[in-house]
Amino acid sequence: MQVGDILRKKAARVATIRMNETVAIAAQLMRSGNISALVVKDVVHTEGNTVVGMFTERDVVRAIAQHGAAGANMRVSHFISVQQLVSCGSRDPLEHVRHLMNRHHIRHLPVIDNYSLIGVISIRDIAAAFDEQAMAREAIPA
């Protein structure tokens, strides 16, 4: 199974945030969308067209734990690493994506094809896909 197989079953909308927005805005977006991660886009160099990272609930907690209430007013860019974006493509096998997530200790990956963001895949998506495959195999009579 490939990443694209999962994306076809998900909503097409991808929640994004600009690097210069605050942690508080990011937290509000996640809460209102009932999601746990946002794709971060660069607005300085590329006018918002380049994915530079992910901002997650974990990052919100880190901001508050390290900086107290002032963390809510800090920029999202302060809490992401823009040196190396970890991403995948729609044709990548789920096993490869799961390996990437484990190696980098992350739970969400932006899916990028031909330099364009087409979706986000989570460890939960992958677990559900593997569960579906296992259930389908069990349903086939021997």
N, C-alpha and C. Protein backbone atom coordinates (compact mmCIF):
# COMPACT_ATOMS: atom_id res chain seq x y z
N MET A 1 0.84 -1.18 0.00
CA MET A 1 0.00 0.00 0.00
C MET A 1 0.89 1.25 0.00
N GLN A 2 0.42 2.28 -0.69
CA GLN A 2 1.19 3.52 -0.80
C GLN A 2 0.47 4.67 -0.10
N VAL A 3 1.22 5.75 0.13
CA VAL A 3 0.69 6.94 0.79
C VAL A 3 -0.54 7.48 0.06
N GLY A 4 -0.48 7.50 -1.26
CA GLY A 4 -1.60 8.00 -2.05
C GLY A 4 -2.89 7.25 -1.81
N ASP A 5 -2.79 5.95 -1.50
CA ASP A 5 -3.98 5.16 -1.21
C ASP A 5 -4.71 5.71 0.02
N ILE A 6 -3.94 6.15 0.99
CA ILE A 6 -4.53 6.72 2.21
C ILE A 6 -5.08 8.12 1.92
N LEU A 7 -4.32 8.92 1.19
CA LEU A 7 -4.75 10.30 0.92
C LEU A 7 -6.08 10.34 0.17
N ARG A 8 -6.33 9.37 -0.70
CA ARG A 8 -7.58 9.34 -1.46
C ARG A 8 -8.80 9.18 -0.54
N LYS A 9 -8.59 8.64 0.65
CA LYS A 9 -9.69 8.42 1.60
C LYS A 9 -9.86 9.59 2.57
N LYS A 10 -8.89 10.50 2.59
CA LYS A 10 -8.93 11.61 3.55
C LYS A 10 -9.51 12.87 2.90
N ALA A 11 -9.87 13.81 3.75
CA ALA A 11 -10.33 15.12 3.26
C ALA A 11 -9.20 15.79 2.49
N ALA A 12 -9.54 16.51 1.46
CA ALA A 12 -8.53 17.13 0.60
C ALA A 12 -7.87 18.34 1.26
N ARG A 13 -8.53 18.98 2.19
CA ARG A 13 -8.00 20.20 2.80
C ARG A 13 -6.82 19.87 3.71
N VAL A 14 -5.75 20.66 3.58
CA VAL A 14 -4.57 20.52 4.43
C VAL A 14 -4.44 21.80 5.25
N ALA A 15 -4.40 21.66 6.56
CA ALA A 15 -4.29 22.81 7.45
C ALA A 15 -2.85 23.30 7.47
N THR A 16 -2.67 24.59 7.19
CA THR A 16 -1.34 25.17 7.15
C THR A 16 -1.28 26.41 8.04
N ILE A 17 -0.05 26.81 8.34
CA ILE A 17 0.19 28.04 9.09
C ILE A 17 1.48 28.65 8.56
N ARG A 18 1.55 29.97 8.61
CA ARG A 18 2.78 30.64 8.18
C ARG A 18 3.78 30.67 9.33
N MET A 19 5.04 30.68 8.97
CA MET A 19 6.12 30.66 9.96
C MET A 19 6.03 31.80 10.97
N ASN A 20 5.53 32.94 10.55
CA ASN A 20 5.55 34.11 11.42
C ASN A 20 4.33 34.22 12.33
N GLU A 21 3.42 33.26 12.27
CA GLU A 21 2.27 33.27 13.18
C GLU A 21 2.71 32.82 14.57
N THR A 22 1.88 33.10 15.55
CA THR A 22 2.23 32.76 16.94
C THR A 22 1.77 31.35 17.31
N VAL A 23 2.36 30.87 18.39
CA VAL A 23 1.97 29.57 18.94
C VAL A 23 0.49 29.59 19.31
N ALA A 24 0.01 30.71 19.85
CA ALA A 24 -1.40 30.82 20.23
C ALA A 24 -2.31 30.65 19.01
N ILE A 25 -1.97 31.28 17.90
CA ILE A 25 -2.77 31.14 16.67
C ILE A 25 -2.75 29.68 16.21
N ALA A 26 -1.58 29.07 16.25
CA ALA A 26 -1.47 27.67 15.84
C ALA A 26 -2.35 26.78 16.71
N ALA A 27 -2.31 27.00 18.02
CA ALA A 27 -3.12 26.20 18.95
C ALA A 27 -4.61 26.39 18.66
N GLN A 28 -5.01 27.62 18.35
CA GLN A 28 -6.42 27.88 18.04
C GLN A 28 -6.83 27.18 16.74
N LEU A 29 -5.95 27.19 15.74
CA LEU A 29 -6.25 26.50 14.48
C LEU A 29 -6.39 25.00 14.70
N MET A 30 -5.51 24.44 15.50
CA MET A 30 -5.58 23.00 15.77
C MET A 30 -6.87 22.67 16.53
N ARG A 31 -7.20 23.50 17.50
CA ARG A 31 -8.42 23.26 18.28
C ARG A 31 -9.65 23.36 17.40
N SER A 32 -9.75 24.43 16.61
CA SER A 32 -10.95 24.63 15.79
C SER A 32 -11.08 23.56 14.70
N GLY A 33 -9.96 23.05 14.21
CA GLY A 33 -10.01 22.01 13.19
C GLY A 33 -10.00 20.61 13.74
N ASN A 34 -9.90 20.50 15.08
CA ASN A 34 -9.82 19.20 15.75
C ASN A 34 -8.71 18.34 15.14
N ILE A 35 -7.53 18.98 15.00
CA ILE A 35 -6.36 18.31 14.43
C ILE A 35 -5.18 18.49 15.36
N SER A 36 -4.15 17.70 15.15
CA SER A 36 -3.00 17.76 16.05
C SER A 36 -1.72 18.26 15.40
N ALA A 37 -1.80 18.69 14.14
CA ALA A 37 -0.59 19.18 13.47
C ALA A 37 -0.97 20.12 12.33
N LEU A 38 -0.06 21.07 12.07
CA LEU A 38 -0.22 22.02 10.97
C LEU A 38 1.03 21.97 10.11
N VAL A 39 0.87 22.11 8.83
CA VAL A 39 2.00 22.24 7.91
C VAL A 39 2.45 23.69 7.97
N VAL A 40 3.75 23.91 8.15
CA VAL A 40 4.30 25.26 8.23
C VAL A 40 4.86 25.65 6.88
N LYS A 41 4.43 26.84 6.42
CA LYS A 41 4.90 27.35 5.14
C LYS A 41 5.74 28.61 5.35
N ASP A 42 6.73 28.77 4.49
CA ASP A 42 7.63 29.92 4.51
C ASP A 42 6.99 31.07 3.75
N VAL A 43 6.89 32.22 4.40
CA VAL A 43 6.31 33.39 3.73
C VAL A 43 7.37 34.41 3.33
N VAL A 44 8.56 34.27 3.86
CA VAL A 44 9.61 35.26 3.60
C VAL A 44 10.24 35.05 2.23
N HIS A 45 10.68 33.83 1.97
CA HIS A 45 11.45 33.57 0.75
C HIS A 45 10.60 33.13 -0.44
N THR A 46 9.47 32.53 -0.18
CA THR A 46 8.74 31.91 -1.28
C THR A 46 7.29 32.33 -1.36
N GLU A 47 6.92 33.34 -0.63
CA GLU A 47 5.55 33.84 -0.64
C GLU A 47 4.56 32.75 -0.25
N GLY A 48 4.95 31.90 0.68
CA GLY A 48 4.03 30.92 1.24
C GLY A 48 3.87 29.64 0.47
N ASN A 49 4.70 29.40 -0.52
CA ASN A 49 4.51 28.21 -1.34
C ASN A 49 5.39 27.03 -0.97
N THR A 50 6.32 27.21 -0.06
CA THR A 50 7.23 26.14 0.28
C THR A 50 6.98 25.62 1.70
N VAL A 51 6.82 24.32 1.81
CA VAL A 51 6.66 23.68 3.11
C VAL A 51 8.03 23.65 3.79
N VAL A 52 8.07 24.11 5.05
CA VAL A 52 9.33 24.12 5.78
C VAL A 52 9.31 23.23 7.01
N GLY A 53 8.14 22.74 7.40
CA GLY A 53 8.09 21.88 8.57
C GLY A 53 6.67 21.60 9.02
N MET A 54 6.59 20.98 10.19
CA MET A 54 5.32 20.67 10.83
C MET A 54 5.34 21.31 12.22
N PHE A 55 4.18 21.79 12.65
CA PHE A 55 4.02 22.32 14.00
C PHE A 55 2.91 21.50 14.64
N THR A 56 3.20 20.88 15.78
CA THR A 56 2.28 19.92 16.38
C THR A 56 1.89 20.32 17.80
N GLU A 57 0.94 19.57 18.34
CA GLU A 57 0.55 19.77 19.75
C GLU A 57 1.78 19.66 20.66
N ARG A 58 2.67 18.78 20.32
CA ARG A 58 3.91 18.61 21.08
C ARG A 58 4.70 19.93 21.14
N ASP A 59 4.71 20.65 20.02
CA ASP A 59 5.42 21.93 19.96
C ASP A 59 4.74 22.99 20.83
N VAL A 60 3.41 22.96 20.88
CA VAL A 60 2.69 23.88 21.76
C VAL A 60 3.09 23.62 23.21
N VAL A 61 3.09 22.37 23.61
CA VAL A 61 3.46 22.00 24.98
C VAL A 61 4.90 22.44 25.27
N ARG A 62 5.80 22.19 24.33
CA ARG A 62 7.20 22.57 24.51
C ARG A 62 7.34 24.09 24.68
N ALA A 63 6.60 24.86 23.90
CA ALA A 63 6.66 26.32 23.99
C ALA A 63 6.24 26.81 25.37
N ILE A 64 5.15 26.26 25.88
CA ILE A 64 4.65 26.67 27.19
C ILE A 64 5.55 26.16 28.31
N ALA A 65 6.02 24.93 28.19
CA ALA A 65 6.90 24.36 29.22
C ALA A 65 8.22 25.12 29.32
N GLN A 66 8.76 25.54 28.19
CA GLN A 66 10.04 26.24 28.20
C GLN A 66 9.93 27.72 28.50
N HIS A 67 8.82 28.35 28.10
CA HIS A 67 8.74 29.81 28.17
C HIS A 67 7.54 30.31 28.97
N GLY A 68 6.77 29.42 29.57
CA GLY A 68 5.60 29.85 30.32
C GLY A 68 4.56 30.46 29.39
N ALA A 69 3.75 31.36 29.93
CA ALA A 69 2.69 31.99 29.16
C ALA A 69 3.25 32.77 27.96
N ALA A 70 4.48 33.27 28.09
CA ALA A 70 5.10 34.03 26.99
C ALA A 70 5.29 33.15 25.75
N GLY A 71 5.35 31.84 25.93
CA GLY A 71 5.50 30.93 24.80
C GLY A 71 4.37 31.04 23.81
N ALA A 72 3.18 31.40 24.28
CA ALA A 72 2.02 31.52 23.39
C ALA A 72 2.20 32.64 22.38
N ASN A 73 2.99 33.64 22.73
CA ASN A 73 3.20 34.79 21.83
C ASN A 73 4.44 34.66 20.96
N MET A 74 5.16 33.56 21.10
CA MET A 74 6.35 33.35 20.27
C MET A 74 5.95 32.85 18.89
N ARG A 75 6.82 33.03 17.95
CA ARG A 75 6.56 32.64 16.56
C ARG A 75 6.71 31.13 16.39
N VAL A 76 5.89 30.57 15.52
CA VAL A 76 5.96 29.15 15.18
C VAL A 76 7.37 28.81 14.69
N SER A 77 7.99 29.71 13.95
CA SER A 77 9.32 29.46 13.38
C SER A 77 10.37 29.16 14.45
N HIS A 78 10.14 29.63 15.66
CA HIS A 78 11.08 29.40 16.75
C HIS A 78 11.12 27.93 17.17
N PHE A 79 10.07 27.20 16.88
CA PHE A 79 9.93 25.82 17.38
C PHE A 79 10.03 24.74 16.32
N ILE A 80 10.30 25.11 15.08
CA ILE A 80 10.48 24.09 14.05
C ILE A 80 11.91 24.12 13.55
N SER A 81 12.36 23.00 13.06
CA SER A 81 13.68 22.91 12.45
C SER A 81 13.52 23.02 10.95
N VAL A 82 14.08 24.09 10.38
CA VAL A 82 13.94 24.28 8.94
C VAL A 82 15.16 23.76 8.18
N GLN A 83 16.13 23.21 8.90
CA GLN A 83 17.33 22.71 8.23
C GLN A 83 17.03 21.48 7.38
N GLN A 84 16.18 20.59 7.87
CA GLN A 84 15.91 19.36 7.14
C GLN A 84 14.43 19.02 7.25
N LEU A 85 13.72 19.23 6.17
CA LEU A 85 12.31 18.86 6.14
C LEU A 85 12.22 17.36 5.88
N VAL A 86 11.49 16.68 6.74
CA VAL A 86 11.23 15.26 6.53
C VAL A 86 9.85 15.17 5.90
N SER A 87 9.80 14.59 4.71
CA SER A 87 8.53 14.48 4.00
C SER A 87 8.50 13.17 3.22
N CYS A 88 7.40 12.93 2.55
CA CYS A 88 7.28 11.74 1.71
C CYS A 88 6.49 12.12 0.47
N GLY A 89 6.39 11.18 -0.45
CA GLY A 89 5.61 11.36 -1.67
C GLY A 89 4.44 10.40 -1.69
N SER A 90 3.50 10.65 -2.57
CA SER A 90 2.29 9.83 -2.62
C SER A 90 2.56 8.40 -3.06
N ARG A 91 3.68 8.17 -3.74
CA ARG A 91 4.00 6.81 -4.20
C ARG A 91 4.88 6.03 -3.24
N ASP A 92 5.24 6.65 -2.12
CA ASP A 92 6.07 5.95 -1.14
C ASP A 92 5.27 4.85 -0.44
N PRO A 93 5.90 3.70 -0.24
CA PRO A 93 5.20 2.63 0.49
C PRO A 93 5.05 2.99 1.97
N LEU A 94 3.97 2.51 2.57
CA LEU A 94 3.71 2.82 3.97
C LEU A 94 4.83 2.33 4.89
N GLU A 95 5.45 1.23 4.55
CA GLU A 95 6.55 0.72 5.37
C GLU A 95 7.70 1.73 5.43
N HIS A 96 7.99 2.37 4.31
CA HIS A 96 9.05 3.39 4.26
C HIS A 96 8.67 4.60 5.12
N VAL A 97 7.43 5.04 5.02
CA VAL A 97 6.98 6.20 5.77
C VAL A 97 7.00 5.90 7.27
N ARG A 98 6.57 4.72 7.63
CA ARG A 98 6.60 4.32 9.05
C ARG A 98 8.04 4.33 9.55
N HIS A 99 8.96 3.85 8.75
CA HIS A 99 10.38 3.87 9.11
C HIS A 99 10.88 5.31 9.31
N LEU A 100 10.52 6.21 8.40
CA LEU A 100 10.91 7.62 8.53
C LEU A 100 10.40 8.22 9.84
N MET A 101 9.15 7.95 10.14
CA MET A 101 8.56 8.48 11.37
C MET A 101 9.27 7.94 12.61
N ASN A 102 9.56 6.66 12.61
CA ASN A 102 10.27 6.06 13.75
C ASN A 102 11.67 6.64 13.88
N ARG A 103 12.38 6.75 12.78
CA ARG A 103 13.77 7.24 12.81
C ARG A 103 13.85 8.69 13.27
N HIS A 104 12.88 9.50 12.89
CA HIS A 104 12.91 10.93 13.22
C HIS A 104 12.03 11.28 14.43
N HIS A 105 11.40 10.28 15.04
CA HIS A 105 10.55 10.48 16.21
C HIS A 105 9.45 11.50 15.94
N ILE A 106 8.74 11.31 14.83
CA ILE A 106 7.65 12.21 14.44
C ILE A 106 6.40 11.40 14.14
N ARG A 107 5.25 12.09 14.18
CA ARG A 107 3.99 11.40 13.96
C ARG A 107 3.21 11.91 12.76
N HIS A 108 3.72 12.94 12.10
CA HIS A 108 3.04 13.52 10.93
C HIS A 108 4.08 13.85 9.87
N LEU A 109 3.73 13.57 8.62
CA LEU A 109 4.62 13.92 7.50
C LEU A 109 3.84 14.65 6.42
N PRO A 110 4.39 15.76 5.92
CA PRO A 110 3.77 16.36 4.75
C PRO A 110 4.04 15.47 3.53
N VAL A 111 3.06 15.37 2.66
CA VAL A 111 3.19 14.59 1.43
C VAL A 111 3.38 15.58 0.29
N ILE A 112 4.52 15.48 -0.38
CA ILE A 112 4.87 16.44 -1.41
C ILE A 112 5.16 15.70 -2.71
N ASP A 113 4.45 16.10 -3.75
CA ASP A 113 4.68 15.57 -5.10
C ASP A 113 4.99 16.74 -6.02
N ASN A 114 6.05 16.62 -6.80
CA ASN A 114 6.44 17.67 -7.73
C ASN A 114 6.49 19.04 -7.07
N TYR A 115 7.10 19.08 -5.89
CA TYR A 115 7.29 20.32 -5.12
C TYR A 115 6.00 20.95 -4.62
N SER A 116 4.89 20.22 -4.67
CA SER A 116 3.60 20.74 -4.20
C SER A 116 3.08 19.90 -3.05
N LEU A 117 2.58 20.57 -2.03
CA LEU A 117 1.96 19.90 -0.90
C LEU A 117 0.62 19.32 -1.34
N ILE A 118 0.46 18.01 -1.15
CA ILE A 118 -0.81 17.39 -1.54
C ILE A 118 -1.55 16.79 -0.35
N GLY A 119 -0.91 16.72 0.81
CA GLY A 119 -1.58 16.16 1.97
C GLY A 119 -0.64 15.98 3.14
N VAL A 120 -1.18 15.38 4.18
CA VAL A 120 -0.42 15.03 5.38
C VAL A 120 -0.81 13.62 5.76
N ILE A 121 0.17 12.83 6.14
CA ILE A 121 -0.10 11.48 6.61
C ILE A 121 0.38 11.38 8.06
N SER A 122 -0.40 10.69 8.87
CA SER A 122 -0.05 10.55 10.28
C SER A 122 0.19 9.08 10.61
N ILE A 123 0.82 8.87 11.76
CA ILE A 123 1.06 7.51 12.22
C ILE A 123 -0.27 6.80 12.45
N ARG A 124 -1.29 7.55 12.82
CA ARG A 124 -2.62 6.98 13.01
C ARG A 124 -3.18 6.48 11.68
N ASP A 125 -2.96 7.26 10.60
CA ASP A 125 -3.41 6.83 9.26
C ASP A 125 -2.75 5.51 8.88
N ILE A 126 -1.46 5.42 9.15
CA ILE A 126 -0.71 4.21 8.79
C ILE A 126 -1.18 3.02 9.61
N ALA A 127 -1.37 3.22 10.91
CA ALA A 127 -1.85 2.14 11.77
C ALA A 127 -3.22 1.65 11.30
N ALA A 128 -4.10 2.57 10.95
CA ALA A 128 -5.44 2.19 10.48
C ALA A 128 -5.35 1.41 9.17
N ALA A 129 -4.45 1.81 8.27
CA ALA A 129 -4.30 1.10 7.00
C ALA A 129 -3.79 -0.32 7.22
N PHE A 130 -2.80 -0.47 8.12
CA PHE A 130 -2.30 -1.81 8.41
C PHE A 130 -3.38 -2.66 9.08
N ASP A 131 -4.20 -2.04 9.95
CA ASP A 131 -5.30 -2.77 10.57
C ASP A 131 -6.30 -3.24 9.52
N GLU A 132 -6.63 -2.36 8.56
CA GLU A 132 -7.56 -2.74 7.49
C GLU A 132 -7.03 -3.91 6.68
N GLN A 133 -5.73 -3.87 6.37
CA GLN A 133 -5.12 -4.97 5.61
C GLN A 133 -5.20 -6.26 6.40
N ALA A 134 -4.93 -6.21 7.68
CA ALA A 134 -4.98 -7.41 8.51
C ALA A 134 -6.40 -7.96 8.59
N MET A 135 -7.38 -7.08 8.73
CA MET A 135 -8.78 -7.52 8.80
C MET A 135 -9.20 -8.14 7.48
N ALA A 136 -8.75 -7.56 6.38
CA ALA A 136 -9.10 -8.10 5.06
C ALA A 136 -8.51 -9.49 4.87
N ARG A 137 -7.27 -9.68 5.33
CA ARG A 137 -6.64 -11.00 5.22
C ARG A 137 -7.38 -12.03 6.07
N GLU A 138 -7.84 -11.62 7.27
CA GLU A 138 -8.55 -12.54 8.14
C GLU A 138 -9.92 -12.91 7.56
N ALA A 139 -10.52 -12.01 6.79
CA ALA A 139 -11.84 -12.25 6.22
C ALA A 139 -11.82 -13.20 5.04
N ILE A 140 -10.66 -13.40 4.45
CA ILE A 140 -10.55 -14.31 3.30
C ILE A 140 -10.52 -15.74 3.81
N PRO A 141 -11.45 -16.56 3.35
CA PRO A 141 -11.47 -17.95 3.81
C PRO A 141 -10.25 -18.72 3.28
N ALA A 142 -9.73 -19.58 4.11
CA ALA A 142 -8.54 -20.35 3.74
C ALA A 142 -8.87 -21.51 2.84
